[in-house]
Amino acid sequence: MANELERMGLLYSVDRSAFASYCLAWDRLVNAEKIIQEKGLTMVFPRDDGSAYEQVRPEVAVSNKAMTQIRAFCIEFGLTPSSRSRMQLPEEEGEKSKLAELLD
């Protein structure tokens, strides 16, 4: 992801903490989803009376929170279609803007 953002002119050294936070959120999402895939969405807990109750795994909340954080970072870095359409990307060297091509 870093290489692509740099290629697009959207990642600079001052973005290090924001990008690191994105990477941590991504790591949390991946790890939580691995556990969910292995163990399922819920856990069963025994009660003192011999019965049991089912509860959503904590990893589901971790996954949901990470997805929310990732979405926010994606918007900041222009990684969603709608956020990208609002951004002005720096032109690559030797690439003319459409307006410049029309004027030529």
PDB file of N, CA and C in Angstrom:
ATOM      1  N   MET A   1       0.829  -1.192   0.000  1.00  0.00           N
ATOM      2  CA  MET A   1       0.000   0.000   0.000  1.00  0.00           C
ATOM      3  C   MET A   1       0.875   1.258   0.000  1.00  0.00           C
ATOM      4  N   ALA A   2       1.951   1.228   0.752  1.00  0.00           N
ATOM      5  CA  ALA A   2       2.823   2.407   0.823  1.00  0.00           C
ATOM      6  C   ALA A   2       3.406   2.736  -0.544  1.00  0.00           C
ATOM      7  N   ASN A   3       3.844   1.714  -1.268  1.00  0.00           N
ATOM      8  CA  ASN A   3       4.422   1.964  -2.599  1.00  0.00           C
ATOM      9  C   ASN A   3       3.406   2.608  -3.525  1.00  0.00           C
ATOM     10  N   GLU A   4       2.178   2.128  -3.503  1.00  0.00           N
ATOM     11  CA  GLU A   4       1.140   2.681  -4.377  1.00  0.00           C
ATOM     12  C   GLU A   4       0.812   4.123  -3.989  1.00  0.00           C
ATOM     13  N   LEU A   5       0.708   4.396  -2.696  1.00  0.00           N
ATOM     14  CA  LEU A   5       0.428   5.764  -2.247  1.00  0.00           C
ATOM     15  C   LEU A   5       1.562   6.705  -2.613  1.00  0.00           C
ATOM     16  N   GLU A   6       2.796   6.245  -2.494  1.00  0.00           N
ATOM     17  CA  GLU A   6       3.934   7.076  -2.887  1.00  0.00           C
ATOM     18  C   GLU A   6       3.921   7.328  -4.386  1.00  0.00           C
ATOM     19  N   ARG A   7       3.622   6.283  -5.156  1.00  0.00           N
ATOM     20  CA  ARG A   7       3.568   6.428  -6.615  1.00  0.00           C
ATOM     21  C   ARG A   7       2.536   7.467  -7.020  1.00  0.00           C
ATOM     22  N   MET A   8       1.414   7.494  -6.287  1.00  0.00           N
ATOM     23  CA  MET A   8       0.340   8.442  -6.589  1.00  0.00           C
ATOM     24  C   MET A   8       0.622   9.835  -6.027  1.00  0.00           C
ATOM     25  N   GLY A   9       1.722   9.986  -5.292  1.00  0.00           N
ATOM     26  CA  GLY A   9       2.053  11.280  -4.695  1.00  0.00           C
ATOM     27  C   GLY A   9       1.200  11.610  -3.487  1.00  0.00           C
ATOM     28  N   LEU A  10       0.723  10.574  -2.778  1.00  0.00           N
ATOM     29  CA  LEU A  10      -0.178  10.797  -1.645  1.00  0.00           C
ATOM     30  C   LEU A  10       0.421  10.424  -0.297  1.00  0.00           C
ATOM     31  N   LEU A  11       1.667   9.985  -0.267  1.00  0.00           N
ATOM     32  CA  LEU A  11       2.277   9.574   0.989  1.00  0.00           C
ATOM     33  C   LEU A  11       3.635  10.243   1.133  1.00  0.00           C
ATOM     34  N   TYR A  12       3.778  10.989   2.203  1.00  0.00           N
ATOM     35  CA  TYR A  12       5.019  11.695   2.488  1.00  0.00           C
ATOM     36  C   TYR A  12       5.481  11.307   3.891  1.00  0.00           C
ATOM     37  N   SER A  13       6.696  11.654   4.234  1.00  0.00           N
ATOM     38  CA  SER A  13       7.232  11.289   5.549  1.00  0.00           C
ATOM     39  C   SER A  13       6.387  11.856   6.684  1.00  0.00           C
ATOM     40  N   VAL A  14       5.736  12.990   6.474  1.00  0.00           N
ATOM     41  CA  VAL A  14       4.889  13.567   7.527  1.00  0.00           C
ATOM     42  C   VAL A  14       3.625  12.741   7.767  1.00  0.00           C
ATOM     43  N   ASP A  15       3.324  11.826   6.842  1.00  0.00           N
ATOM     44  CA  ASP A  15       2.145  10.965   6.978  1.00  0.00           C
ATOM     45  C   ASP A  15       2.446   9.677   7.732  1.00  0.00           C
ATOM     46  N   ARG A  16       3.654   9.544   8.232  1.00  0.00           N
ATOM     47  CA  ARG A  16       4.094   8.291   8.838  1.00  0.00           C
ATOM     48  C   ARG A  16       3.159   7.811   9.951  1.00  0.00           C
ATOM     49  N   SER A  17       2.781   8.677  10.861  1.00  0.00           N
ATOM     50  CA  SER A  17       1.939   8.232  11.985  1.00  0.00           C
ATOM     51  C   SER A  17       0.540   7.822  11.514  1.00  0.00           C
ATOM     52  N   ALA A  18      -0.016   8.561  10.571  1.00  0.00           N
ATOM     53  CA  ALA A  18      -1.342   8.190  10.053  1.00  0.00           C
ATOM     54  C   ALA A  18      -1.274   6.865   9.307  1.00  0.00           C
ATOM     55  N   PHE A  19      -0.224   6.670   8.515  1.00  0.00           N
ATOM     56  CA  PHE A  19      -0.106   5.422   7.768  1.00  0.00           C
ATOM     57  C   PHE A  19       0.193   4.254   8.708  1.00  0.00           C
ATOM     58  N   ALA A  20       1.000   4.486   9.731  1.00  0.00           N
ATOM     59  CA  ALA A  20       1.280   3.432  10.724  1.00  0.00           C
ATOM     60  C   ALA A  20      -0.008   3.036  11.443  1.00  0.00           C
ATOM     61  N   SER A  21      -0.841   4.007  11.745  1.00  0.00           N
ATOM     62  CA  SER A  21      -2.121   3.713  12.392  1.00  0.00           C
ATOM     63  C   SER A  21      -3.020   2.894  11.469  1.00  0.00           C
ATOM     64  N   TYR A  22      -3.018   3.224  10.198  1.00  0.00           N
ATOM     65  CA  TYR A  22      -3.757   2.431   9.214  1.00  0.00           C
ATOM     66  C   TYR A  22      -3.252   0.987   9.231  1.00  0.00           C
ATOM     67  N   CYS A  23      -1.932   0.822   9.224  1.00  0.00           N
ATOM     68  CA  CYS A  23      -1.346  -0.523   9.203  1.00  0.00           C
ATOM     69  C   CYS A  23      -1.704  -1.302  10.465  1.00  0.00           C
ATOM     70  N   LEU A  24      -1.701  -0.650  11.616  1.00  0.00           N
ATOM     71  CA  LEU A  24      -2.089  -1.325  12.862  1.00  0.00           C
ATOM     72  C   LEU A  24      -3.553  -1.754  12.820  1.00  0.00           C
ATOM     73  N   ALA A  25      -4.407  -0.891  12.321  1.00  0.00           N
ATOM     74  CA  ALA A  25      -5.828  -1.241  12.202  1.00  0.00           C
ATOM     75  C   ALA A  25      -5.997  -2.414  11.246  1.00  0.00           C
ATOM     76  N   TRP A  26      -5.249  -2.423  10.153  1.00  0.00           N
ATOM     77  CA  TRP A  26      -5.314  -3.528   9.194  1.00  0.00           C
ATOM     78  C   TRP A  26      -4.871  -4.835   9.863  1.00  0.00           C
ATOM     79  N   ASP A  27      -3.794  -4.770  10.628  1.00  0.00           N
ATOM     80  CA  ASP A  27      -3.296  -5.950  11.328  1.00  0.00           C
ATOM     81  C   ASP A  27      -4.333  -6.474  12.326  1.00  0.00           C
ATOM     82  N   ARG A  28      -4.967  -5.570  13.056  1.00  0.00           N
ATOM     83  CA  ARG A  28      -6.020  -5.985  13.997  1.00  0.00           C
ATOM     84  C   ARG A  28      -7.171  -6.650  13.265  1.00  0.00           C
ATOM     85  N   LEU A  29      -7.568  -6.089  12.147  1.00  0.00           N
ATOM     86  CA  LEU A  29      -8.653  -6.671  11.362  1.00  0.00           C
ATOM     87  C   LEU A  29      -8.292  -8.075  10.901  1.00  0.00           C
ATOM     88  N   VAL A  30      -7.118  -8.232  10.339  1.00  0.00           N
ATOM     89  CA  VAL A  30      -6.691  -9.538   9.831  1.00  0.00           C
ATOM     90  C   VAL A  30      -6.642 -10.562  10.958  1.00  0.00           C
ATOM     91  N   ASN A  31      -6.052 -10.196  12.086  1.00  0.00           N
ATOM     92  CA  ASN A  31      -5.948 -11.136  13.205  1.00  0.00           C
ATOM     93  C   ASN A  31      -7.310 -11.484  13.794  1.00  0.00           C
ATOM     94  N   ALA A  32      -8.170 -10.500  13.955  1.00  0.00           N
ATOM     95  CA  ALA A  32      -9.511 -10.772  14.486  1.00  0.00           C
ATOM     96  C   ALA A  32     -10.289 -11.673  13.534  1.00  0.00           C
ATOM     97  N   GLU A  33     -10.188 -11.418  12.241  1.00  0.00           N
ATOM     98  CA  GLU A  33     -10.916 -12.233  11.260  1.00  0.00           C
ATOM     99  C   GLU A  33     -10.391 -13.664  11.207  1.00  0.00           C
ATOM    100  N   LYS A  34      -9.095 -13.870  11.436  1.00  0.00           N
ATOM    101  CA  LYS A  34      -8.552 -15.227  11.495  1.00  0.00           C
ATOM    102  C   LYS A  34      -9.202 -16.001  12.639  1.00  0.00           C
ATOM    103  N   ILE A  35      -9.305 -15.364  13.796  1.00  0.00           N
ATOM    104  CA  ILE A  35      -9.908 -16.027  14.952  1.00  0.00           C
ATOM    105  C   ILE A  35     -11.383 -16.306  14.698  1.00  0.00           C
ATOM    106  N   ILE A  36     -12.075 -15.333  14.105  1.00  0.00           N
ATOM    107  CA  ILE A  36     -13.499 -15.523  13.794  1.00  0.00           C
ATOM    108  C   ILE A  36     -13.679 -16.678  12.817  1.00  0.00           C
ATOM    109  N   GLN A  37     -12.817 -16.755  11.804  1.00  0.00           N
ATOM    110  CA  GLN A  37     -12.910 -17.844  10.834  1.00  0.00           C
ATOM    111  C   GLN A  37     -12.644 -19.203  11.493  1.00  0.00           C
ATOM    112  N   GLU A  38     -11.696 -19.243  12.419  1.00  0.00           N
ATOM    113  CA  GLU A  38     -11.339 -20.497  13.089  1.00  0.00           C
ATOM    114  C   GLU A  38     -12.384 -20.919  14.125  1.00  0.00           C
ATOM    115  N   LYS A  39     -12.890 -19.947  14.887  1.00  0.00           N
ATOM    116  CA  LYS A  39     -13.700 -20.276  16.059  1.00  0.00           C
ATOM    117  C   LYS A  39     -15.166 -19.866  15.955  1.00  0.00           C
ATOM    118  N   GLY A  40     -15.516 -19.104  14.911  1.00  0.00           N
ATOM    119  CA  GLY A  40     -16.894 -18.662  14.738  1.00  0.00           C
ATOM    120  C   GLY A  40     -17.164 -17.300  15.356  1.00  0.00           C
ATOM    121  N   LEU A  41     -18.373 -16.815  15.131  1.00  0.00           N
ATOM    122  CA  LEU A  41     -18.758 -15.476  15.600  1.00  0.00           C
ATOM    123  C   LEU A  41     -19.109 -15.430  17.079  1.00  0.00           C
ATOM    124  N   THR A  42     -19.467 -16.577  17.638  1.00  0.00           N
ATOM    125  CA  THR A  42     -19.938 -16.592  19.024  1.00  0.00           C
ATOM    126  C   THR A  42     -19.149 -17.580  19.870  1.00  0.00           C
ATOM    127  N   MET A  43     -19.301 -17.423  21.186  1.00  0.00           N
ATOM    128  CA  MET A  43     -18.697 -18.308  22.175  1.00  0.00           C
ATOM    129  C   MET A  43     -19.820 -18.822  23.071  1.00  0.00           C
ATOM    130  N   VAL A  44     -19.663 -20.024  23.589  1.00  0.00           N
ATOM    131  CA  VAL A  44     -20.643 -20.583  24.512  1.00  0.00           C
ATOM    132  C   VAL A  44     -20.026 -20.625  25.901  1.00  0.00           C
ATOM    133  N   PHE A  45     -20.750 -20.069  26.874  1.00  0.00           N
ATOM    134  CA  PHE A  45     -20.293 -20.036  28.258  1.00  0.00           C
ATOM    135  C   PHE A  45     -21.213 -20.877  29.125  1.00  0.00           C
ATOM    136  N   PRO A  46     -20.620 -21.708  29.994  1.00  0.00           N
ATOM    137  CA  PRO A  46     -21.467 -22.506  30.897  1.00  0.00           C
ATOM    138  C   PRO A  46     -21.980 -21.652  32.057  1.00  0.00           C
ATOM    139  N   ARG A  47     -23.156 -22.001  32.525  1.00  0.00           N
ATOM    140  CA  ARG A  47     -23.728 -21.373  33.721  1.00  0.00           C
ATOM    141  C   ARG A  47     -23.559 -22.334  34.891  1.00  0.00           C
ATOM    142  N   ASP A  48     -23.698 -21.812  36.089  1.00  0.00           N
ATOM    143  CA  ASP A  48     -23.564 -22.637  37.287  1.00  0.00           C
ATOM    144  C   ASP A  48     -24.621 -23.731  37.362  1.00  0.00           C
ATOM    145  N   ASP A  49     -25.776 -23.485  36.757  1.00  0.00           N
ATOM    146  CA  ASP A  49     -26.867 -24.472  36.826  1.00  0.00           C
ATOM    147  C   ASP A  49     -26.738 -25.564  35.764  1.00  0.00           C
ATOM    148  N   GLY A  50     -25.645 -25.592  35.034  1.00  0.00           N
ATOM    149  CA  GLY A  50     -25.431 -26.615  34.018  1.00  0.00           C
ATOM    150  C   GLY A  50     -25.869 -26.207  32.626  1.00  0.00           C
ATOM    151  N   SER A  51     -26.640 -25.139  32.502  1.00  0.00           N
ATOM    152  CA  SER A  51     -27.026 -24.657  31.178  1.00  0.00           C
ATOM    153  C   SER A  51     -25.893 -23.801  30.609  1.00  0.00           C
ATOM    154  N   ALA A  52     -26.103 -23.254  29.434  1.00  0.00           N
ATOM    155  CA  ALA A  52     -25.078 -22.432  28.794  1.00  0.00           C
ATOM    156  C   ALA A  52     -25.735 -21.272  28.068  1.00  0.00           C
ATOM    157  N   TYR A  53     -24.949 -20.258  27.804  1.00  0.00           N
ATOM    158  CA  TYR A  53     -25.437 -19.135  26.998  1.00  0.00           C
ATOM    159  C   TYR A  53     -24.386 -18.789  25.952  1.00  0.00           C
ATOM    160  N   GLU A  54     -24.873 -18.231  24.867  1.00  0.00           N
ATOM    161  CA  GLU A  54     -24.021 -17.889  23.738  1.00  0.00           C
ATOM    162  C   GLU A  54     -23.823 -16.375  23.706  1.00  0.00           C
ATOM    163  N   GLN A  55     -22.603 -15.971  23.385  1.00  0.00           N
ATOM    164  CA  GLN A  55     -22.283 -14.545  23.330  1.00  0.00           C
ATOM    165  C   GLN A  55     -21.363 -14.291  22.138  1.00  0.00           C
ATOM    166  N   VAL A  56     -21.477 -13.114  21.564  1.00  0.00           N
ATOM    167  CA  VAL A  56     -20.619 -12.726  20.437  1.00  0.00           C
ATOM    168  C   VAL A  56     -19.178 -12.637  20.927  1.00  0.00           C
ATOM    169  N   ARG A  57     -18.268 -13.165  20.130  1.00  0.00           N
ATOM    170  CA  ARG A  57     -16.838 -13.125  20.463  1.00  0.00           C
ATOM    171  C   ARG A  57     -16.343 -11.674  20.529  1.00  0.00           C
ATOM    172  N   PRO A  58     -15.394 -11.385  21.397  1.00  0.00           N
ATOM    173  CA  PRO A  58     -14.798 -10.043  21.450  1.00  0.00           C
ATOM    174  C   PRO A  58     -14.126  -9.649  20.137  1.00  0.00           C
ATOM    175  N   GLU A  59     -13.652 -10.632  19.395  1.00  0.00           N
ATOM    176  CA  GLU A  59     -12.970 -10.346  18.119  1.00  0.00           C
ATOM    177  C   GLU A  59     -13.907  -9.708  17.098  1.00  0.00           C
ATOM    178  N   VAL A  60     -15.203  -9.940  17.242  1.00  0.00           N
ATOM    179  CA  VAL A  60     -16.164  -9.307  16.328  1.00  0.00           C
ATOM    180  C   VAL A  60     -16.142  -7.793  16.537  1.00  0.00           C
ATOM    181  N   ALA A  61     -16.112  -7.363  17.790  1.00  0.00           N
ATOM    182  CA  ALA A  61     -16.037  -5.926  18.080  1.00  0.00           C
ATOM    183  C   ALA A  61     -14.704  -5.352  17.614  1.00  0.00           C
ATOM    184  N   VAL A  62     -13.622  -6.099  17.822  1.00  0.00           N
ATOM    185  CA  VAL A  62     -12.296  -5.650  17.362  1.00  0.00           C
ATOM    186  C   VAL A  62     -12.306  -5.491  15.849  1.00  0.00           C
ATOM    187  N   SER A  63     -12.869  -6.467  15.145  1.00  0.00           N
ATOM    188  CA  SER A  63     -12.941  -6.419  13.684  1.00  0.00           C
ATOM    189  C   SER A  63     -13.767  -5.222  13.219  1.00  0.00           C
ATOM    190  N   ASN A  64     -14.934  -5.041  13.812  1.00  0.00           N
ATOM    191  CA  ASN A  64     -15.796  -3.920  13.414  1.00  0.00           C
ATOM    192  C   ASN A  64     -15.121  -2.579  13.644  1.00  0.00           C
ATOM    193  N   LYS A  65     -14.454  -2.419  14.784  1.00  0.00           N
ATOM    194  CA  LYS A  65     -13.758  -1.161  15.092  1.00  0.00           C
ATOM    195  C   LYS A  65     -12.616  -0.933  14.104  1.00  0.00           C
ATOM    196  N   ALA A  66     -11.874  -1.992  13.802  1.00  0.00           N
ATOM    197  CA  ALA A  66     -10.764  -1.869  12.853  1.00  0.00           C
ATOM    198  C   ALA A  66     -11.278  -1.475  11.475  1.00  0.00           C
ATOM    199  N   MET A  67     -12.411  -2.063  11.052  1.00  0.00           N
ATOM    200  CA  MET A  67     -12.965  -1.692   9.740  1.00  0.00           C
ATOM    201  C   MET A  67     -13.366  -0.221   9.712  1.00  0.00           C
ATOM    202  N   THR A  68     -13.922   0.271  10.799  1.00  0.00           N
ATOM    203  CA  THR A  68     -14.292   1.688  10.875  1.00  0.00           C
ATOM    204  C   THR A  68     -13.045   2.569  10.766  1.00  0.00           C
ATOM    205  N   GLN A  69     -11.990   2.180  11.488  1.00  0.00           N
ATOM    206  CA  GLN A  69     -10.750   2.956  11.436  1.00  0.00           C
ATOM    207  C   GLN A  69     -10.121   2.898  10.047  1.00  0.00           C
ATOM    208  N   ILE A  70     -10.111   1.722   9.449  1.00  0.00           N
ATOM    209  CA  ILE A  70      -9.536   1.564   8.109  1.00  0.00           C
ATOM    210  C   ILE A  70     -10.297   2.420   7.105  1.00  0.00           C
ATOM    211  N   ARG A  71     -11.607   2.411   7.205  1.00  0.00           N
ATOM    212  CA  ARG A  71     -12.421   3.230   6.286  1.00  0.00           C
ATOM    213  C   ARG A  71     -12.056   4.708   6.415  1.00  0.00           C
ATOM    214  N   ALA A  72     -11.891   5.171   7.654  1.00  0.00           N
ATOM    215  CA  ALA A  72     -11.528   6.576   7.872  1.00  0.00           C
ATOM    216  C   ALA A  72     -10.167   6.891   7.259  1.00  0.00           C
ATOM    217  N   PHE A  73      -9.190   6.006   7.459  1.00  0.00           N
ATOM    218  CA  PHE A  73      -7.869   6.227   6.864  1.00  0.00           C
ATOM    219  C   PHE A  73      -7.936   6.159   5.344  1.00  0.00           C
ATOM    220  N   CYS A  74      -8.733   5.249   4.810  1.00  0.00           N
ATOM    221  CA  CYS A  74      -8.875   5.141   3.352  1.00  0.00           C
ATOM    222  C   CYS A  74      -9.427   6.432   2.767  1.00  0.00           C
ATOM    223  N   ILE A  75     -10.380   7.020   3.443  1.00  0.00           N
ATOM    224  CA  ILE A  75     -10.937   8.294   2.979  1.00  0.00           C
ATOM    225  C   ILE A  75      -9.861   9.377   3.012  1.00  0.00           C
ATOM    226  N   GLU A  76      -9.082   9.413   4.100  1.00  0.00           N
ATOM    227  CA  GLU A  76      -8.024  10.425   4.230  1.00  0.00           C
ATOM    228  C   GLU A  76      -6.962  10.277   3.130  1.00  0.00           C
ATOM    229  N   PHE A  77      -6.639   9.056   2.777  1.00  0.00           N
ATOM    230  CA  PHE A  77      -5.605   8.815   1.774  1.00  0.00           C
ATOM    231  C   PHE A  77      -6.163   8.709   0.354  1.00  0.00           C
ATOM    232  N   GLY A  78      -7.466   8.943   0.181  1.00  0.00           N
ATOM    233  CA  GLY A  78      -8.056   8.905  -1.156  1.00  0.00           C
ATOM    234  C   GLY A  78      -8.172   7.508  -1.720  1.00  0.00           C
ATOM    235  N   LEU A  79      -8.445   6.529  -0.870  1.00  0.00           N
ATOM    236  CA  LEU A  79      -8.482   5.135  -1.298  1.00  0.00           C
ATOM    237  C   LEU A  79      -9.890   4.585  -1.487  1.00  0.00           C
ATOM    238  N   THR A  80     -10.870   5.449  -1.503  1.00  0.00           N
ATOM    239  CA  THR A  80     -12.221   5.019  -1.857  1.00  0.00           C
ATOM    240  C   THR A  80     -12.603   5.744  -3.141  1.00  0.00           C
ATOM    241  N   PRO A  81     -13.491   5.171  -3.938  1.00  0.00           N
ATOM    242  CA  PRO A  81     -13.864   5.841  -5.193  1.00  0.00           C
ATOM    243  C   PRO A  81     -14.380   7.265  -4.973  1.00  0.00           C
ATOM    244  N   SER A  82     -15.208   7.464  -3.959  1.00  0.00           N
ATOM    245  CA  SER A  82     -15.763   8.810  -3.765  1.00  0.00           C
ATOM    246  C   SER A  82     -14.716   9.795  -3.265  1.00  0.00           C
ATOM    247  N   SER A  83     -13.838   9.369  -2.356  1.00  0.00           N
ATOM    248  CA  SER A  83     -12.813  10.297  -1.873  1.00  0.00           C
ATOM    249  C   SER A  83     -11.786  10.593  -2.957  1.00  0.00           C
ATOM    250  N   ARG A  84     -11.492   9.598  -3.786  1.00  0.00           N
ATOM    251  CA  ARG A  84     -10.535   9.801  -4.879  1.00  0.00           C
ATOM    252  C   ARG A  84     -11.080  10.790  -5.907  1.00  0.00           C
ATOM    253  N   SER A  85     -12.396  10.761  -6.121  1.00  0.00           N
ATOM    254  CA  SER A  85     -12.972  11.669  -7.111  1.00  0.00           C
ATOM    255  C   SER A  85     -12.909  13.124  -6.656  1.00  0.00           C
ATOM    256  N   ARG A  86     -12.756  13.344  -5.359  1.00  0.00           N
ATOM    257  CA  ARG A  86     -12.668  14.710  -4.831  1.00  0.00           C
ATOM    258  C   ARG A  86     -11.232  15.211  -4.715  1.00  0.00           C
ATOM    259  N   MET A  87     -10.280  14.335  -5.000  1.00  0.00           N
ATOM    260  CA  MET A  87      -8.877  14.714  -4.829  1.00  0.00           C
ATOM    261  C   MET A  87      -8.273  15.174  -6.137  1.00  0.00           C
ATOM    262  N   GLN A  88      -7.281  16.017  -6.009  1.00  0.00           N
ATOM    263  CA  GLN A  88      -6.486  16.386  -7.174  1.00  0.00           C
ATOM    264  C   GLN A  88      -5.128  15.739  -6.992  1.00  0.00           C
ATOM    265  N   LEU A  89      -4.869  14.713  -7.766  1.00  0.00           N
ATOM    266  CA  LEU A  89      -3.596  14.017  -7.680  1.00  0.00           C
ATOM    267  C   LEU A  89      -2.544  14.793  -8.435  1.00  0.00           C
ATOM    268  N   PRO A  90      -1.318  14.791  -7.912  1.00  0.00           N
ATOM    269  CA  PRO A  90      -0.240  15.448  -8.662  1.00  0.00           C
ATOM    270  C   PRO A  90      -0.039  14.734  -9.994  1.00  0.00           C
ATOM    271  N   GLU A  91       0.231  15.522 -11.029  1.00  0.00           N
ATOM    272  CA  GLU A  91       0.456  14.923 -12.339  1.00  0.00           C
ATOM    273  C   GLU A  91       1.804  14.229 -12.349  1.00  0.00           C
ATOM    274  N   GLU A  92       1.851  13.076 -12.998  1.00  0.00           N
ATOM    275  CA  GLU A  92       3.127  12.392 -13.150  1.00  0.00           C
ATOM    276  C   GLU A  92       3.961  13.154 -14.154  1.00  0.00           C
ATOM    277  N   GLU A  93       5.262  13.056 -13.998  1.00  0.00           N
ATOM    278  CA  GLU A  93       6.174  13.781 -14.873  1.00  0.00           C
ATOM    279  C   GLU A  93       5.925  13.392 -16.324  1.00  0.00           C
ATOM    280  N   GLY A  94       5.801  14.382 -17.181  1.00  0.00           N
ATOM    281  CA  GLY A  94       5.575  14.126 -18.593  1.00  0.00           C
ATOM    282  C   GLY A  94       4.112  13.896 -18.946  1.00  0.00           C
ATOM    283  N   GLU A  95       3.236  13.904 -17.962  1.00  0.00           N
ATOM    284  CA  GLU A  95       1.808  13.662 -18.218  1.00  0.00           C
ATOM    285  C   GLU A  95       1.086  15.006 -18.256  1.00  0.00           C
ATOM    286  N   LYS A  96       0.377  15.259 -19.320  1.00  0.00           N
ATOM    287  CA  LYS A  96      -0.360  16.504 -19.449  1.00  0.00           C
ATOM    288  C   LYS A  96      -1.753  16.340 -18.872  1.00  0.00           C
ATOM    289  N   SER A  97      -2.256  17.429 -18.304  1.00  0.00           N
ATOM    290  CA  SER A  97      -3.634  17.388 -17.836  1.00  0.00           C
ATOM    291  C   SER A  97      -4.572  17.367 -19.046  1.00  0.00           C
ATOM    292  N   LYS A  98      -5.784  16.920 -18.832  1.00  0.00           N
ATOM    293  CA  LYS A  98      -6.751  16.881 -19.939  1.00  0.00           C
ATOM    294  C   LYS A  98      -6.995  18.290 -20.484  1.00  0.00           C
ATOM    295  N   LEU A  99      -7.023  19.276 -19.588  1.00  0.00           N
ATOM    296  CA  LEU A  99      -7.228  20.656 -20.023  1.00  0.00           C
ATOM    297  C   LEU A  99      -6.059  21.095 -20.896  1.00  0.00           C
ATOM    298  N   ALA A 100      -4.830  20.762 -20.489  1.00  0.00           N
ATOM    299  CA  ALA A 100      -3.655  21.151 -21.267  1.00  0.00           C
ATOM    300  C   ALA A 100      -3.700  20.473 -22.642  1.00  0.00           C
ATOM    301  N   GLU A 101      -4.129  19.228 -22.689  1.00  0.00           N
ATOM    302  CA  GLU A 101      -4.237  18.527 -23.981  1.00  0.00           C
ATOM    303  C   GLU A 101      -5.274  19.187 -24.874  1.00  0.00           C
ATOM    304  N   LEU A 102      -6.405  19.602 -24.297  1.00  0.00           N
ATOM    305  CA  LEU A 102      -7.452  20.253 -25.081  1.00  0.00           C
ATOM    306  C   LEU A 102      -6.974  21.599 -25.619  1.00  0.00           C
ATOM    307  N   LEU A 103      -6.200  22.325 -24.806  1.00  0.00           N
ATOM    308  CA  LEU A 103      -5.710  23.629 -25.220  1.00  0.00           C
ATOM    309  C   LEU A 103      -4.648  23.526 -26.305  1.00  0.00           C
ATOM    310  N   ASP A 104      -3.911  22.401 -26.306  1.00  0.00           N
ATOM    311  CA  ASP A 104      -2.900  22.199 -27.348  1.00  0.00           C
ATOM    312  C   ASP A 104      -3.599  21.967 -28.652  1.00  0.00           C
TER     313      ASP A 104
END
